[in-house]
Amino acid sequence: MSGQEIIIIIIVALLLFGADKLPEIARGIGKGMRDFRKATDDIKREFEENTNDLRKDFQEVTNTISGDVRDISGNIQKDVDDITNNLQQEVNDFTNDLESGVDEVKTNLESGAEEIKENLEQQAGEIETNLEQQAGEIETGPESKTVEPQDPYKRTINEPDDNYYNYHNKD
């Protein structure tokens, strides 16, 4: 309210009640204001007391829920760590098994290659010996066999049929 409105209210109150009753009315209004303020303070105090209990209850529930969430997240983290460790261990075991398998295959291949090399050398030696024996038999004379010359032209499967006369008429 502005100052002019308050002055108008006071003038109207003076005219209605008169100057004699104005102090009594002011005391009554003051007492009413005190009672109203007292009632308001009582309501605020009671509201704060009641809500204080509710606040405590809410705080307890919040703390309980927060603790449960921390416990659950800790358990989940522990489970994740356990699973991660188990998977890492399995990967390490698999890697070790794979490496030992590769080493075993490598060793087997090397030993197999050595055996093949030895067999080839042995066969080459046998072939060389056989060739020397056959060469000796050929040089010995009367028992030597004559080797007939082979026809230099032989038909293969992939040749066309127009060559038929070329190799048949070579008699």
N, C-alpha and C. Protein backbone atom coordinates (compact mmCIF):
# COMPACT_ATOMS: atom_id res chain seq x y z
N MET A 1 0.84 -1.18 0.00
CA MET A 1 0.00 0.00 0.00
C MET A 1 0.88 1.24 0.00
N SER A 2 0.36 2.22 -0.65
CA SER A 2 1.10 3.47 -0.71
C SER A 2 0.73 4.36 0.48
N GLY A 3 1.48 5.43 0.65
CA GLY A 3 1.23 6.34 1.78
C GLY A 3 -0.13 7.01 1.70
N GLN A 4 -0.61 7.33 0.53
CA GLN A 4 -1.90 7.99 0.35
C GLN A 4 -3.04 7.06 0.77
N GLU A 5 -2.93 5.78 0.46
CA GLU A 5 -3.99 4.82 0.81
C GLU A 5 -4.08 4.67 2.33
N ILE A 6 -2.92 4.64 3.01
CA ILE A 6 -2.92 4.51 4.47
C ILE A 6 -3.58 5.75 5.11
N ILE A 7 -3.28 6.91 4.61
CA ILE A 7 -3.88 8.15 5.15
C ILE A 7 -5.38 8.13 4.94
N ILE A 8 -5.84 7.68 3.81
CA ILE A 8 -7.28 7.63 3.54
C ILE A 8 -7.94 6.65 4.49
N ILE A 9 -7.32 5.51 4.77
CA ILE A 9 -7.88 4.52 5.70
C ILE A 9 -7.97 5.12 7.10
N ILE A 10 -6.94 5.84 7.54
CA ILE A 10 -6.96 6.46 8.88
C ILE A 10 -8.08 7.51 8.95
N ILE A 11 -8.24 8.30 7.95
CA ILE A 11 -9.30 9.34 7.95
C ILE A 11 -10.66 8.68 7.99
N VAL A 12 -10.86 7.60 7.24
CA VAL A 12 -12.15 6.89 7.25
C VAL A 12 -12.39 6.29 8.62
N ALA A 13 -11.34 5.73 9.26
CA ALA A 13 -11.50 5.15 10.59
C ALA A 13 -11.85 6.22 11.60
N LEU A 14 -11.25 7.41 11.52
CA LEU A 14 -11.57 8.52 12.43
C LEU A 14 -13.01 8.95 12.25
N LEU A 15 -13.46 9.03 11.06
CA LEU A 15 -14.83 9.45 10.80
C LEU A 15 -15.83 8.42 11.29
N LEU A 16 -15.52 7.14 11.10
CA LEU A 16 -16.45 6.09 11.49
C LEU A 16 -16.48 5.87 13.01
N PHE A 17 -15.33 5.77 13.61
CA PHE A 17 -15.27 5.40 15.02
C PHE A 17 -15.07 6.61 15.94
N GLY A 18 -14.56 7.62 15.46
CA GLY A 18 -14.32 8.82 16.27
C GLY A 18 -12.95 8.73 16.91
N ALA A 19 -12.51 9.85 17.48
CA ALA A 19 -11.18 9.94 18.06
C ALA A 19 -11.09 9.19 19.36
N ASP A 20 -12.23 9.04 20.11
CA ASP A 20 -12.21 8.37 21.42
C ASP A 20 -11.96 6.86 21.26
N LYS A 21 -12.54 6.28 20.29
CA LYS A 21 -12.45 4.82 20.17
C LYS A 21 -11.22 4.39 19.36
N LEU A 22 -10.55 5.27 18.74
CA LEU A 22 -9.42 4.94 17.90
C LEU A 22 -8.29 4.27 18.68
N PRO A 23 -7.90 4.73 19.92
CA PRO A 23 -6.86 4.03 20.65
C PRO A 23 -7.26 2.60 21.02
N GLU A 24 -8.53 2.41 21.38
CA GLU A 24 -8.99 1.06 21.73
C GLU A 24 -8.92 0.14 20.50
N ILE A 25 -9.33 0.68 19.40
CA ILE A 25 -9.29 -0.11 18.15
C ILE A 25 -7.83 -0.42 17.82
N ALA A 26 -6.92 0.54 18.00
CA ALA A 26 -5.51 0.30 17.71
C ALA A 26 -4.95 -0.77 18.62
N ARG A 27 -5.33 -0.74 19.93
CA ARG A 27 -4.89 -1.78 20.86
C ARG A 27 -5.45 -3.14 20.44
N GLY A 28 -6.70 -3.17 20.06
CA GLY A 28 -7.32 -4.42 19.63
C GLY A 28 -6.64 -4.96 18.37
N ILE A 29 -6.33 -4.06 17.45
CA ILE A 29 -5.64 -4.48 16.24
C ILE A 29 -4.24 -4.97 16.58
N GLY A 30 -3.53 -4.26 17.50
CA GLY A 30 -2.18 -4.67 17.91
C GLY A 30 -2.21 -6.03 18.57
N LYS A 31 -3.23 -6.22 19.49
CA LYS A 31 -3.37 -7.51 20.17
C LYS A 31 -3.68 -8.60 19.15
N GLY A 32 -4.56 -8.32 18.21
CA GLY A 32 -4.90 -9.29 17.16
C GLY A 32 -3.67 -9.65 16.32
N MET A 33 -2.85 -8.63 16.04
CA MET A 33 -1.62 -8.87 15.27
C MET A 33 -0.66 -9.75 16.05
N ARG A 34 -0.52 -9.46 17.40
CA ARG A 34 0.36 -10.30 18.22
C ARG A 34 -0.13 -11.73 18.26
N ASP A 35 -1.46 -11.89 18.47
CA ASP A 35 -2.02 -13.24 18.50
C ASP A 35 -1.83 -13.95 17.15
N PHE A 36 -2.03 -13.21 16.08
CA PHE A 36 -1.85 -13.78 14.75
C PHE A 36 -0.40 -14.20 14.53
N ARG A 37 0.55 -13.31 14.96
CA ARG A 37 1.97 -13.63 14.81
C ARG A 37 2.33 -14.82 15.68
N LYS A 38 1.79 -14.86 16.92
CA LYS A 38 2.05 -15.98 17.82
C LYS A 38 1.53 -17.27 17.21
N ALA A 39 0.32 -17.26 16.67
CA ALA A 39 -0.27 -18.44 16.04
C ALA A 39 0.57 -18.87 14.84
N THR A 40 1.02 -17.90 14.08
CA THR A 40 1.86 -18.21 12.92
C THR A 40 3.17 -18.85 13.35
N ASP A 41 3.78 -18.29 14.42
CA ASP A 41 5.03 -18.88 14.93
C ASP A 41 4.81 -20.30 15.45
N ASP A 42 3.66 -20.49 16.16
CA ASP A 42 3.35 -21.84 16.65
C ASP A 42 3.19 -22.82 15.49
N ILE A 43 2.50 -22.39 14.46
CA ILE A 43 2.29 -23.27 13.29
C ILE A 43 3.63 -23.58 12.62
N LYS A 44 4.49 -22.55 12.49
CA LYS A 44 5.80 -22.78 11.89
C LYS A 44 6.62 -23.76 12.71
N ARG A 45 6.63 -23.55 14.05
CA ARG A 45 7.39 -24.42 14.94
C ARG A 45 6.87 -25.85 14.86
N GLU A 46 5.56 -26.01 14.91
CA GLU A 46 4.99 -27.34 14.84
C GLU A 46 5.27 -27.98 13.48
N PHE A 47 5.16 -27.19 12.44
CA PHE A 47 5.46 -27.70 11.09
C PHE A 47 6.91 -28.16 11.01
N GLU A 48 7.82 -27.35 11.56
CA GLU A 48 9.24 -27.72 11.53
C GLU A 48 9.50 -28.97 12.37
N GLU A 49 8.82 -29.09 13.53
CA GLU A 49 9.00 -30.27 14.37
C GLU A 49 8.52 -31.52 13.64
N ASN A 50 7.33 -31.41 13.04
CA ASN A 50 6.79 -32.57 12.32
C ASN A 50 7.61 -32.90 11.08
N THR A 51 8.00 -31.88 10.37
CA THR A 51 8.79 -32.14 9.17
C THR A 51 10.20 -32.57 9.53
N ASN A 52 10.67 -32.18 10.73
CA ASN A 52 11.99 -32.61 11.17
C ASN A 52 12.03 -34.13 11.29
N ASP A 53 10.96 -34.70 11.87
CA ASP A 53 10.87 -36.16 11.96
C ASP A 53 10.83 -36.78 10.56
N LEU A 54 10.05 -36.15 9.67
CA LEU A 54 9.98 -36.65 8.29
C LEU A 54 11.34 -36.52 7.61
N ARG A 55 12.03 -35.41 7.86
CA ARG A 55 13.35 -35.22 7.28
C ARG A 55 14.31 -36.30 7.77
N LYS A 56 14.23 -36.59 9.07
CA LYS A 56 15.09 -37.65 9.61
C LYS A 56 14.77 -38.98 8.95
N ASP A 57 13.45 -39.26 8.82
CA ASP A 57 13.04 -40.51 8.17
C ASP A 57 13.55 -40.57 6.72
N PHE A 58 13.37 -39.47 6.01
CA PHE A 58 13.86 -39.42 4.63
C PHE A 58 15.38 -39.58 4.58
N GLN A 59 16.08 -38.96 5.51
CA GLN A 59 17.54 -39.07 5.55
C GLN A 59 17.96 -40.51 5.84
N GLU A 60 17.25 -41.17 6.77
CA GLU A 60 17.56 -42.56 7.07
C GLU A 60 17.31 -43.45 5.85
N VAL A 61 16.17 -43.23 5.19
CA VAL A 61 15.87 -44.02 4.00
C VAL A 61 16.92 -43.76 2.92
N THR A 62 17.28 -42.49 2.75
CA THR A 62 18.30 -42.14 1.76
C THR A 62 19.63 -42.82 2.08
N ASN A 63 20.03 -42.77 3.35
CA ASN A 63 21.29 -43.41 3.76
C ASN A 63 21.23 -44.92 3.54
N THR A 64 20.10 -45.53 3.90
CA THR A 64 19.93 -46.97 3.71
C THR A 64 20.03 -47.34 2.23
N ILE A 65 19.32 -46.58 1.41
CA ILE A 65 19.34 -46.86 -0.04
C ILE A 65 20.74 -46.64 -0.59
N SER A 66 21.40 -45.56 -0.16
CA SER A 66 22.77 -45.29 -0.63
C SER A 66 23.71 -46.42 -0.22
N GLY A 67 23.58 -46.90 1.02
CA GLY A 67 24.42 -48.01 1.48
C GLY A 67 24.17 -49.27 0.66
N ASP A 68 22.87 -49.56 0.41
CA ASP A 68 22.54 -50.74 -0.39
C ASP A 68 23.10 -50.62 -1.81
N VAL A 69 22.99 -49.42 -2.37
CA VAL A 69 23.51 -49.21 -3.73
C VAL A 69 25.03 -49.39 -3.73
N ARG A 70 25.72 -48.87 -2.71
CA ARG A 70 27.17 -49.04 -2.63
C ARG A 70 27.52 -50.52 -2.49
N ASP A 71 26.76 -51.25 -1.65
CA ASP A 71 27.03 -52.68 -1.48
C ASP A 71 26.82 -53.43 -2.80
N ILE A 72 25.71 -53.14 -3.45
CA ILE A 72 25.41 -53.83 -4.71
C ILE A 72 26.45 -53.50 -5.77
N SER A 73 26.81 -52.21 -5.87
CA SER A 73 27.82 -51.85 -6.88
C SER A 73 29.17 -52.46 -6.53
N GLY A 74 29.48 -52.56 -5.23
CA GLY A 74 30.73 -53.22 -4.83
C GLY A 74 30.71 -54.69 -5.21
N ASN A 75 29.57 -55.36 -4.97
CA ASN A 75 29.45 -56.78 -5.35
C ASN A 75 29.55 -56.95 -6.87
N ILE A 76 28.90 -56.06 -7.60
CA ILE A 76 28.97 -56.14 -9.05
C ILE A 76 30.40 -55.93 -9.52
N GLN A 77 31.07 -54.94 -8.95
CA GLN A 77 32.47 -54.68 -9.34
C GLN A 77 33.35 -55.88 -9.02
N LYS A 78 33.10 -56.50 -7.84
CA LYS A 78 33.87 -57.68 -7.46
C LYS A 78 33.62 -58.82 -8.46
N ASP A 79 32.34 -59.02 -8.82
CA ASP A 79 32.01 -60.07 -9.79
C ASP A 79 32.66 -59.80 -11.15
N VAL A 80 32.61 -58.54 -11.57
CA VAL A 80 33.23 -58.18 -12.85
C VAL A 80 34.73 -58.42 -12.79
N ASP A 81 35.36 -58.06 -11.67
CA ASP A 81 36.80 -58.29 -11.53
C ASP A 81 37.12 -59.78 -11.55
N ASP A 82 36.29 -60.58 -10.85
CA ASP A 82 36.50 -62.02 -10.85
C ASP A 82 36.38 -62.60 -12.26
N ILE A 83 35.34 -62.19 -12.97
CA ILE A 83 35.13 -62.69 -14.33
C ILE A 83 36.29 -62.26 -15.23
N THR A 84 36.71 -61.01 -15.07
CA THR A 84 37.83 -60.51 -15.87
C THR A 84 39.09 -61.32 -15.59
N ASN A 85 39.36 -61.57 -14.32
CA ASN A 85 40.54 -62.36 -13.96
C ASN A 85 40.46 -63.77 -14.51
N ASN A 86 39.26 -64.38 -14.40
CA ASN A 86 39.08 -65.73 -14.94
C ASN A 86 39.28 -65.77 -16.45
N LEU A 87 38.70 -64.79 -17.14
CA LEU A 87 38.87 -64.74 -18.59
C LEU A 87 40.33 -64.52 -18.96
N GLN A 88 41.00 -63.65 -18.23
CA GLN A 88 42.42 -63.39 -18.51
C GLN A 88 43.24 -64.67 -18.29
N GLN A 89 42.92 -65.40 -17.22
CA GLN A 89 43.63 -66.64 -16.93
C GLN A 89 43.38 -67.67 -18.03
N GLU A 90 42.12 -67.76 -18.49
CA GLU A 90 41.81 -68.71 -19.56
C GLU A 90 42.53 -68.33 -20.86
N VAL A 91 42.57 -67.03 -21.14
CA VAL A 91 43.29 -66.57 -22.34
C VAL A 91 44.77 -66.91 -22.22
N ASN A 92 45.34 -66.67 -21.04
CA ASN A 92 46.76 -67.00 -20.83
C ASN A 92 47.00 -68.50 -20.98
N ASP A 93 46.11 -69.32 -20.38
CA ASP A 93 46.25 -70.77 -20.50
C ASP A 93 46.16 -71.20 -21.97
N PHE A 94 45.17 -70.64 -22.68
CA PHE A 94 45.00 -70.99 -24.09
C PHE A 94 46.23 -70.58 -24.89
N THR A 95 46.75 -69.39 -24.60
CA THR A 95 47.94 -68.92 -25.30
C THR A 95 49.12 -69.84 -25.03
N ASN A 96 49.29 -70.23 -23.78
CA ASN A 96 50.39 -71.14 -23.44
C ASN A 96 50.22 -72.49 -24.13
N ASP A 97 48.98 -73.02 -24.12
CA ASP A 97 48.73 -74.29 -24.80
C ASP A 97 49.01 -74.17 -26.30
N LEU A 98 48.57 -73.07 -26.88
CA LEU A 98 48.78 -72.85 -28.31
C LEU A 98 50.27 -72.75 -28.63
N GLU A 99 51.01 -72.02 -27.80
CA GLU A 99 52.45 -71.89 -28.03
C GLU A 99 53.16 -73.24 -27.89
N SER A 100 52.76 -74.04 -26.88
CA SER A 100 53.39 -75.35 -26.74
C SER A 100 53.02 -76.26 -27.91
N GLY A 101 51.77 -76.15 -28.40
CA GLY A 101 51.37 -76.93 -29.57
C GLY A 101 52.15 -76.53 -30.80
N VAL A 102 52.36 -75.23 -30.97
CA VAL A 102 53.14 -74.75 -32.12
C VAL A 102 54.57 -75.25 -32.01
N ASP A 103 55.13 -75.18 -30.80
CA ASP A 103 56.50 -75.67 -30.62
C ASP A 103 56.59 -77.17 -30.92
N GLU A 104 55.59 -77.93 -30.49
CA GLU A 104 55.58 -79.37 -30.73
C GLU A 104 55.48 -79.67 -32.23
N VAL A 105 54.59 -78.92 -32.92
CA VAL A 105 54.45 -79.12 -34.37
C VAL A 105 55.75 -78.75 -35.07
N LYS A 106 56.37 -77.68 -34.63
CA LYS A 106 57.64 -77.25 -35.22
C LYS A 106 58.70 -78.33 -35.04
N THR A 107 58.77 -78.86 -33.81
CA THR A 107 59.74 -79.92 -33.53
C THR A 107 59.45 -81.15 -34.39
N ASN A 108 58.17 -81.53 -34.49
CA ASN A 108 57.81 -82.70 -35.30
C ASN A 108 58.14 -82.47 -36.76
N LEU A 109 57.86 -81.26 -37.26
CA LEU A 109 58.18 -80.97 -38.66
C LEU A 109 59.69 -81.01 -38.90
N GLU A 110 60.44 -80.46 -37.97
CA GLU A 110 61.90 -80.48 -38.13
C GLU A 110 62.43 -81.91 -38.11
N SER A 111 61.92 -82.71 -37.17
CA SER A 111 62.39 -84.10 -37.11
C SER A 111 61.91 -84.88 -38.34
N GLY A 112 60.68 -84.59 -38.79
CA GLY A 112 60.17 -85.25 -40.00
C GLY A 112 60.98 -84.85 -41.22
N ALA A 113 61.37 -83.60 -41.30
CA ALA A 113 62.17 -83.12 -42.42
C ALA A 113 63.54 -83.80 -42.40
N GLU A 114 64.10 -83.97 -41.21
CA GLU A 114 65.39 -84.66 -41.09
C GLU A 114 65.25 -86.11 -41.55
N GLU A 115 64.16 -86.78 -41.14
CA GLU A 115 63.95 -88.17 -41.54
C GLU A 115 63.79 -88.26 -43.06
N ILE A 116 63.02 -87.33 -43.64
CA ILE A 116 62.82 -87.33 -45.09
C ILE A 116 64.14 -87.10 -45.80
N LYS A 117 64.92 -86.18 -45.27
CA LYS A 117 66.23 -85.89 -45.87
C LYS A 117 67.12 -87.12 -45.82
N GLU A 118 67.13 -87.79 -44.66
CA GLU A 118 67.95 -88.99 -44.52
C GLU A 118 67.47 -90.08 -45.47
N ASN A 119 66.12 -90.25 -45.58
CA ASN A 119 65.58 -91.27 -46.50
C ASN A 119 65.94 -90.94 -47.94
N LEU A 120 65.84 -89.66 -48.31
CA LEU A 120 66.19 -89.27 -49.68
C LEU A 120 67.66 -89.51 -49.95
N GLU A 121 68.50 -89.17 -48.98
CA GLU A 121 69.93 -89.41 -49.17
C GLU A 121 70.22 -90.90 -49.31
N GLN A 122 69.51 -91.70 -48.49
CA GLN A 122 69.70 -93.15 -48.56
C GLN A 122 69.23 -93.67 -49.93
N GLN A 123 68.06 -93.21 -50.38
CA GLN A 123 67.54 -93.65 -51.68
C GLN A 123 68.45 -93.18 -52.81
N ALA A 124 68.97 -91.94 -52.67
CA ALA A 124 69.89 -91.43 -53.71
C ALA A 124 71.14 -92.31 -53.75
N GLY A 125 71.63 -92.71 -52.57
CA GLY A 125 72.79 -93.60 -52.52
C GLY A 125 72.49 -94.94 -53.16
N GLU A 126 71.29 -95.49 -52.89
CA GLU A 126 70.90 -96.77 -53.48
C GLU A 126 70.77 -96.65 -55.00
N ILE A 127 70.15 -95.54 -55.45
CA ILE A 127 70.01 -95.35 -56.89
C ILE A 127 71.37 -95.21 -57.54
N GLU A 128 72.27 -94.49 -56.91
CA GLU A 128 73.62 -94.31 -57.44
C GLU A 128 74.32 -95.67 -57.53
N THR A 129 74.16 -96.48 -56.46
CA THR A 129 74.76 -97.81 -56.47
C THR A 129 74.17 -98.66 -57.59
N ASN A 130 72.86 -98.63 -57.75
CA ASN A 130 72.20 -99.40 -58.81
C ASN A 130 72.67 -98.94 -60.19
N LEU A 131 72.77 -97.61 -60.35
CA LEU A 131 73.23 -97.10 -61.64
C LEU A 131 74.67 -97.55 -61.92
N GLU A 132 75.50 -97.55 -60.91
CA GLU A 132 76.89 -97.98 -61.10
C GLU A 132 76.93 -99.46 -61.47
N GLN A 133 76.06 -100.25 -60.80
CA GLN A 133 76.02 -101.68 -61.13
C GLN A 133 75.55 -101.90 -62.56
N GLN A 134 74.50 -101.15 -62.96
CA GLN A 134 73.98 -101.31 -64.31
C GLN A 134 75.01 -100.84 -65.34
N ALA A 135 75.70 -99.76 -65.00
CA ALA A 135 76.73 -99.27 -65.92
C ALA A 135 77.84 -100.32 -66.03
N GLY A 136 78.15 -100.98 -64.94
CA GLY A 136 79.17 -102.02 -64.97
C GLY A 136 78.71 -103.20 -65.79
N GLU A 137 77.44 -103.56 -65.72
CA GLU A 137 76.91 -104.68 -66.50
C GLU A 137 76.92 -104.36 -67.98
N ILE A 138 76.62 -103.10 -68.32
CA ILE A 138 76.59 -102.71 -69.74
C ILE A 138 78.00 -102.78 -70.31
N GLU A 139 78.99 -102.40 -69.57
CA GLU A 139 80.37 -102.37 -70.05
C GLU A 139 80.99 -103.79 -70.11
N THR A 140 80.44 -104.73 -69.42
CA THR A 140 81.05 -106.05 -69.36
C THR A 140 80.98 -106.82 -70.66
N GLY A 141 80.15 -106.51 -71.57
CA GLY A 141 80.25 -107.11 -72.87
C GLY A 141 79.10 -107.95 -73.32
N PRO A 142 79.37 -109.31 -73.49
CA PRO A 142 78.43 -110.14 -74.22
C PRO A 142 77.04 -110.18 -73.60
N GLU A 143 76.97 -110.05 -72.41
CA GLU A 143 75.65 -110.13 -71.78
C GLU A 143 74.92 -108.81 -71.83
N SER A 144 75.55 -107.84 -72.40
CA SER A 144 74.91 -106.53 -72.40
C SER A 144 73.70 -106.55 -73.31
N LYS A 145 72.77 -105.83 -72.96
CA LYS A 145 71.52 -105.75 -73.72
C LYS A 145 71.59 -104.55 -74.63
N THR A 146 71.01 -104.72 -75.78
CA THR A 146 70.93 -103.59 -76.68
C THR A 146 69.64 -102.86 -76.41
N VAL A 147 69.78 -101.63 -76.43
CA VAL A 147 68.59 -100.81 -76.16
C VAL A 147 68.07 -100.34 -77.49
N GLU A 148 66.82 -100.58 -77.73
CA GLU A 148 66.20 -100.15 -78.98
C GLU A 148 65.86 -98.68 -78.88
N PRO A 149 66.10 -97.96 -79.97
CA PRO A 149 65.75 -96.54 -79.92
C PRO A 149 64.23 -96.39 -79.87
N GLN A 150 63.84 -95.48 -79.12
CA GLN A 150 62.40 -95.24 -78.98
C GLN A 150 61.95 -94.25 -80.04
N ASP A 151 60.69 -94.41 -80.41
CA ASP A 151 60.11 -93.49 -81.38
C ASP A 151 60.01 -92.11 -80.75
N PRO A 152 60.65 -91.13 -81.37
CA PRO A 152 60.66 -89.81 -80.73
C PRO A 152 59.29 -89.15 -80.73
N TYR A 153 58.40 -89.63 -81.59
CA TYR A 153 57.10 -88.99 -81.65
C TYR A 153 56.04 -89.93 -81.15
N LYS A 154 55.41 -89.58 -80.06
CA LYS A 154 54.30 -90.37 -79.53
C LYS A 154 53.11 -89.45 -79.39
N ARG A 155 51.99 -89.99 -79.69
CA ARG A 155 50.76 -89.22 -79.64
C ARG A 155 50.33 -89.05 -78.19
N THR A 156 49.92 -87.85 -77.87
CA THR A 156 49.36 -87.60 -76.54
C THR A 156 47.86 -87.42 -76.66
N ILE A 157 47.20 -87.42 -75.57
CA ILE A 157 45.74 -87.32 -75.57
C ILE A 157 45.28 -85.98 -76.12
N ASN A 158 46.04 -84.96 -75.90
CA ASN A 158 45.62 -83.61 -76.27
C ASN A 158 45.87 -83.28 -77.75
N GLU A 159 46.55 -84.15 -78.48
CA GLU A 159 46.83 -83.85 -79.88
C GLU A 159 45.60 -84.12 -80.74
N PRO A 160 45.41 -83.33 -81.75
CA PRO A 160 44.26 -83.58 -82.63
C PRO A 160 44.48 -84.84 -83.47
N ASP A 161 43.39 -85.35 -84.05
CA ASP A 161 43.43 -86.60 -84.80
C ASP A 161 44.10 -86.48 -86.17
N ASP A 162 44.33 -85.28 -86.67
CA ASP A 162 44.94 -85.14 -87.99
C ASP A 162 46.40 -85.58 -87.99
N ASN A 163 47.00 -85.80 -86.85
CA ASN A 163 48.36 -86.30 -86.75
C ASN A 163 48.41 -87.83 -86.77
N TYR A 164 47.29 -88.44 -86.96
CA TYR A 164 47.21 -89.89 -86.92
C TYR A 164 48.17 -90.53 -87.92
N TYR A 165 48.23 -89.94 -89.10
CA TYR A 165 49.06 -90.52 -90.14
C TYR A 165 50.54 -90.28 -89.90
N ASN A 166 50.85 -89.24 -89.17
CA ASN A 166 52.25 -88.91 -88.92
C ASN A 166 52.94 -89.99 -88.09
N TYR A 167 52.34 -90.52 -87.12
CA TYR A 167 53.02 -91.48 -86.29
C TYR A 167 52.70 -92.92 -86.67
N HIS A 168 51.68 -93.16 -87.48
CA HIS A 168 51.40 -94.51 -87.94
C HIS A 168 52.24 -94.89 -89.15
N ASN A 169 52.55 -93.97 -89.95
CA ASN A 169 53.28 -94.25 -91.18
C ASN A 169 54.79 -94.15 -91.02
N LYS A 170 55.30 -94.19 -89.85
CA LYS A 170 56.73 -94.06 -89.61
C LYS A 170 57.41 -95.42 -89.69
N ASP A 171 56.80 -96.45 -90.09
CA ASP A 171 57.38 -97.79 -90.15
C ASP A 171 58.50 -97.88 -91.08
